[in-house]
N, C-alpha and C. Protein backbone atom coordinates (compact mmCIF):
# COMPACT_ATOMS: atom_id res chain seq x y z
N MET A 1 66.62 132.06 -20.14
CA MET A 1 67.57 131.99 -19.05
C MET A 1 66.78 131.59 -17.81
N LYS A 2 67.28 130.54 -17.14
CA LYS A 2 66.58 129.95 -16.03
C LYS A 2 67.47 130.14 -14.77
N LEU A 3 66.86 130.64 -13.67
CA LEU A 3 67.64 130.85 -12.43
C LEU A 3 67.70 129.58 -11.58
N ASN A 4 68.77 129.40 -10.89
CA ASN A 4 68.89 128.27 -9.99
C ASN A 4 68.35 128.71 -8.63
N ASN A 5 67.17 128.32 -8.30
CA ASN A 5 66.46 128.75 -7.08
C ASN A 5 67.14 128.31 -5.78
N LYS A 6 67.76 127.10 -5.79
CA LYS A 6 68.51 126.64 -4.60
C LYS A 6 69.67 127.50 -4.31
N GLY A 7 70.48 127.84 -5.28
CA GLY A 7 71.61 128.71 -5.11
C GLY A 7 71.24 130.11 -4.66
N PHE A 8 70.16 130.61 -5.23
CA PHE A 8 69.64 131.94 -4.84
C PHE A 8 69.23 131.97 -3.40
N ALA A 9 68.53 130.92 -2.92
CA ALA A 9 68.06 130.85 -1.54
C ALA A 9 69.23 130.71 -0.58
N ILE A 10 70.19 129.89 -0.91
CA ILE A 10 71.33 129.68 -0.01
C ILE A 10 72.12 130.96 0.05
N THR A 11 72.36 131.62 -1.08
CA THR A 11 73.12 132.87 -1.10
C THR A 11 72.38 133.96 -0.26
N THR A 12 71.07 134.00 -0.39
CA THR A 12 70.30 134.97 0.40
C THR A 12 70.48 134.74 1.90
N ILE A 13 70.40 133.47 2.30
CA ILE A 13 70.54 133.10 3.69
C ILE A 13 71.97 133.45 4.15
N LEU A 14 72.98 133.10 3.41
CA LEU A 14 74.36 133.38 3.81
C LEU A 14 74.65 134.85 3.91
N TYR A 15 74.24 135.64 2.90
CA TYR A 15 74.48 137.11 2.99
C TYR A 15 73.63 137.73 4.11
N GLY A 16 72.44 137.25 4.30
CA GLY A 16 71.59 137.77 5.40
C GLY A 16 72.23 137.50 6.75
N THR A 17 72.78 136.32 6.93
CA THR A 17 73.49 135.96 8.15
C THR A 17 74.69 136.83 8.32
N LEU A 18 75.45 137.07 7.27
CA LEU A 18 76.65 137.89 7.32
C LEU A 18 76.29 139.33 7.75
N VAL A 19 75.24 139.90 7.14
CA VAL A 19 74.84 141.26 7.45
C VAL A 19 74.34 141.30 8.95
N LEU A 20 73.61 140.29 9.39
CA LEU A 20 73.14 140.26 10.79
C LEU A 20 74.37 140.15 11.74
N PHE A 21 75.35 139.33 11.37
CA PHE A 21 76.53 139.23 12.25
C PHE A 21 77.28 140.56 12.30
N LEU A 22 77.42 141.25 11.14
CA LEU A 22 78.14 142.51 11.15
C LEU A 22 77.40 143.57 11.96
N LEU A 23 76.08 143.61 11.91
CA LEU A 23 75.33 144.53 12.74
C LEU A 23 75.50 144.22 14.21
N LEU A 24 75.47 142.99 14.57
CA LEU A 24 75.68 142.60 15.93
C LEU A 24 77.11 142.99 16.42
N PHE A 25 78.08 142.74 15.58
CA PHE A 25 79.48 143.05 15.94
C PHE A 25 79.65 144.55 16.08
N VAL A 26 79.09 145.39 15.22
CA VAL A 26 79.21 146.82 15.28
C VAL A 26 78.50 147.31 16.53
N SER A 27 77.35 146.72 16.84
CA SER A 27 76.62 147.12 18.05
C SER A 27 77.41 146.81 19.32
N LEU A 28 78.05 145.67 19.34
CA LEU A 28 78.90 145.29 20.47
C LEU A 28 80.06 146.26 20.62
N LEU A 29 80.70 146.62 19.56
CA LEU A 29 81.78 147.60 19.59
C LEU A 29 81.28 148.95 20.10
N ALA A 30 80.12 149.38 19.68
CA ALA A 30 79.58 150.65 20.14
C ALA A 30 79.28 150.63 21.62
N ILE A 31 78.72 149.53 22.11
CA ILE A 31 78.46 149.38 23.52
C ILE A 31 79.71 149.41 24.35
N LEU A 32 80.74 148.66 23.92
CA LEU A 32 81.99 148.65 24.65
C LEU A 32 82.71 150.05 24.59
N SER A 33 82.62 150.73 23.50
CA SER A 33 83.16 152.07 23.40
C SER A 33 82.51 153.02 24.36
N GLN A 34 81.18 152.96 24.40
CA GLN A 34 80.46 153.83 25.34
C GLN A 34 80.79 153.49 26.80
N TYR A 35 80.92 152.21 27.07
CA TYR A 35 81.30 151.80 28.46
C TYR A 35 82.65 152.37 28.83
N ARG A 36 83.61 152.31 27.91
CA ARG A 36 84.92 152.85 28.20
C ARG A 36 84.90 154.37 28.44
N LYS A 37 84.12 155.07 27.62
CA LYS A 37 83.98 156.51 27.80
C LYS A 37 83.33 156.87 29.12
N ASN A 38 82.33 156.12 29.51
CA ASN A 38 81.69 156.34 30.83
C ASN A 38 82.62 156.05 31.94
N LEU A 39 83.47 154.99 31.84
CA LEU A 39 84.40 154.70 32.87
C LEU A 39 85.48 155.75 32.98
N GLU A 40 85.96 156.28 31.85
CA GLU A 40 86.90 157.35 31.88
C GLU A 40 86.32 158.59 32.53
N LYS A 41 85.08 158.90 32.18
CA LYS A 41 84.41 160.04 32.84
C LYS A 41 84.37 159.89 34.34
N LEU A 42 84.00 158.68 34.78
CA LEU A 42 83.90 158.41 36.20
C LEU A 42 85.21 158.59 36.90
N VAL A 43 86.29 158.09 36.35
CA VAL A 43 87.61 158.09 37.00
C VAL A 43 88.31 159.45 36.82
N GLU A 44 88.23 160.03 35.67
CA GLU A 44 89.06 161.22 35.36
C GLU A 44 88.35 162.56 35.64
N SER A 45 87.06 162.57 35.69
CA SER A 45 86.33 163.83 35.80
C SER A 45 86.51 164.47 37.22
N SER A 46 85.90 165.59 37.40
CA SER A 46 86.03 166.31 38.65
C SER A 46 85.04 165.84 39.70
N ASN A 47 84.36 164.74 39.48
CA ASN A 47 83.42 164.24 40.47
C ASN A 47 84.05 163.47 41.62
N GLY A 48 85.36 163.23 41.50
CA GLY A 48 86.09 162.71 42.64
C GLY A 48 86.10 161.25 42.82
N ALA A 49 85.73 160.47 41.83
CA ALA A 49 85.73 159.01 41.98
C ALA A 49 87.13 158.45 42.27
N ARG A 50 88.14 159.02 41.65
CA ARG A 50 89.52 158.54 41.85
C ARG A 50 89.92 158.86 43.30
N GLU A 51 89.54 160.00 43.78
CA GLU A 51 89.90 160.40 45.15
C GLU A 51 89.26 159.44 46.17
N ILE A 52 88.04 158.99 45.94
CA ILE A 52 87.39 158.08 46.86
C ILE A 52 88.12 156.78 46.91
N VAL A 53 88.68 156.31 45.79
CA VAL A 53 89.37 155.03 45.78
C VAL A 53 90.71 155.10 46.52
N THR A 54 91.35 156.26 46.48
CA THR A 54 92.69 156.42 47.06
C THR A 54 92.67 157.32 48.28
N LEU A 55 91.63 157.27 49.08
CA LEU A 55 91.45 158.17 50.19
C LEU A 55 92.38 157.82 51.36
N LYS A 56 92.81 158.83 52.04
CA LYS A 56 93.49 158.72 53.34
C LYS A 56 92.67 159.59 54.28
N PRO A 57 92.63 159.21 55.55
CA PRO A 57 91.83 160.01 56.49
C PRO A 57 92.30 161.43 56.55
N ASP A 58 91.38 162.39 56.45
CA ASP A 58 91.70 163.80 56.53
C ASP A 58 92.15 164.21 57.93
N LYS A 59 91.31 163.90 58.93
CA LYS A 59 91.62 164.30 60.27
C LYS A 59 90.62 163.59 61.21
N THR A 60 90.84 163.73 62.49
CA THR A 60 89.96 163.20 63.49
C THR A 60 88.95 164.22 63.88
N ILE A 61 87.65 163.90 63.90
CA ILE A 61 86.62 164.82 64.31
C ILE A 61 85.74 164.18 65.35
N ASN A 62 84.91 164.99 66.03
CA ASN A 62 84.06 164.48 67.06
C ASN A 62 82.68 164.17 66.50
N ILE A 63 81.95 163.31 67.21
CA ILE A 63 80.59 162.93 66.80
C ILE A 63 79.74 164.21 66.90
N GLY A 64 78.89 164.45 65.87
CA GLY A 64 78.04 165.62 65.91
C GLY A 64 78.58 166.82 65.15
N GLU A 65 79.85 166.78 64.84
CA GLU A 65 80.46 167.93 64.08
C GLU A 65 79.94 167.91 62.63
N THR A 66 79.80 169.10 62.04
CA THR A 66 79.40 169.20 60.62
C THR A 66 80.65 169.37 59.82
N VAL A 67 80.72 168.66 58.69
CA VAL A 67 81.90 168.63 57.82
C VAL A 67 81.79 169.74 56.82
N THR A 68 82.92 170.45 56.55
CA THR A 68 82.94 171.52 55.58
C THR A 68 83.68 171.11 54.28
N LYS A 69 84.38 169.94 54.34
CA LYS A 69 85.07 169.46 53.15
C LYS A 69 84.81 167.95 53.05
N ARG A 70 84.50 167.46 51.87
CA ARG A 70 84.25 166.01 51.74
C ARG A 70 85.53 165.26 51.88
N GLY A 71 85.43 164.02 52.40
CA GLY A 71 86.60 163.20 52.56
C GLY A 71 86.39 162.09 53.59
N LEU A 72 87.44 161.35 53.85
CA LEU A 72 87.42 160.26 54.80
C LEU A 72 87.83 160.82 56.18
N TYR A 73 87.00 160.59 57.14
CA TYR A 73 87.27 161.12 58.48
C TYR A 73 87.37 159.99 59.52
N ASN A 74 88.26 160.22 60.50
CA ASN A 74 88.36 159.32 61.66
C ASN A 74 87.48 159.99 62.72
N ILE A 75 86.38 159.30 63.08
CA ILE A 75 85.46 159.89 64.05
C ILE A 75 85.79 159.37 65.47
N GLU A 76 86.30 160.26 66.28
CA GLU A 76 86.67 160.03 67.68
C GLU A 76 87.50 158.72 67.83
N ASN A 77 88.36 158.42 66.89
CA ASN A 77 89.23 157.25 66.94
C ASN A 77 88.43 155.94 67.10
N THR A 78 87.20 155.92 66.71
CA THR A 78 86.37 154.68 66.80
C THR A 78 85.99 154.13 65.42
N CYS A 79 85.83 155.00 64.43
CA CYS A 79 85.47 154.47 63.10
C CYS A 79 85.93 155.46 62.03
N TYR A 80 86.01 154.96 60.81
CA TYR A 80 86.32 155.78 59.66
C TYR A 80 85.05 155.84 58.79
N LYS A 81 84.79 157.04 58.28
CA LYS A 81 83.59 157.20 57.44
C LYS A 81 83.83 158.30 56.42
N TYR A 82 83.32 158.05 55.21
CA TYR A 82 83.35 159.03 54.17
C TYR A 82 82.20 160.01 54.35
N LEU A 83 82.50 161.31 54.44
CA LEU A 83 81.45 162.31 54.66
C LEU A 83 81.51 163.36 53.55
N SER A 84 80.36 163.79 53.10
CA SER A 84 80.23 164.90 52.14
C SER A 84 80.10 166.20 52.87
N ILE A 85 80.07 167.27 52.12
CA ILE A 85 79.93 168.59 52.70
C ILE A 85 78.58 168.68 53.43
N ASP A 86 78.57 169.29 54.60
CA ASP A 86 77.40 169.49 55.49
C ASP A 86 76.90 168.18 56.04
N ASP A 87 77.65 167.06 56.04
CA ASP A 87 77.22 165.86 56.71
C ASP A 87 77.61 166.00 58.22
N VAL A 88 76.85 165.34 59.02
CA VAL A 88 77.08 165.36 60.47
C VAL A 88 77.78 164.04 60.83
N ALA A 89 78.89 164.15 61.54
CA ALA A 89 79.70 162.96 61.88
C ALA A 89 78.96 162.05 62.88
N SER A 90 78.90 160.77 62.53
CA SER A 90 78.35 159.77 63.44
C SER A 90 78.91 158.41 63.09
N CYS A 91 78.99 157.51 64.05
CA CYS A 91 79.49 156.15 63.82
C CYS A 91 78.31 155.16 63.90
N GLU A 92 77.48 155.20 62.88
CA GLU A 92 76.33 154.31 62.85
C GLU A 92 76.62 153.10 61.99
């Protein structure tokens, strides 16, 4: 029994390419899935990313005041700034 070496080589290349493509495709799906999970964590978690996007000014404060609650503040009716807890208000 004699093997056809040309057919064996072509089949090896085709199946190798198929396996490589499938690995690439599965890797791409895994990357996209992880990206979606990270995006959901960013938007839905308690870290406040959604609140930052939909902020409305909390109140007007004076320059030099220390903030006790994070949020968007109107500083002496001159500028708007997002401040975290214990930040000092300034319009820089």
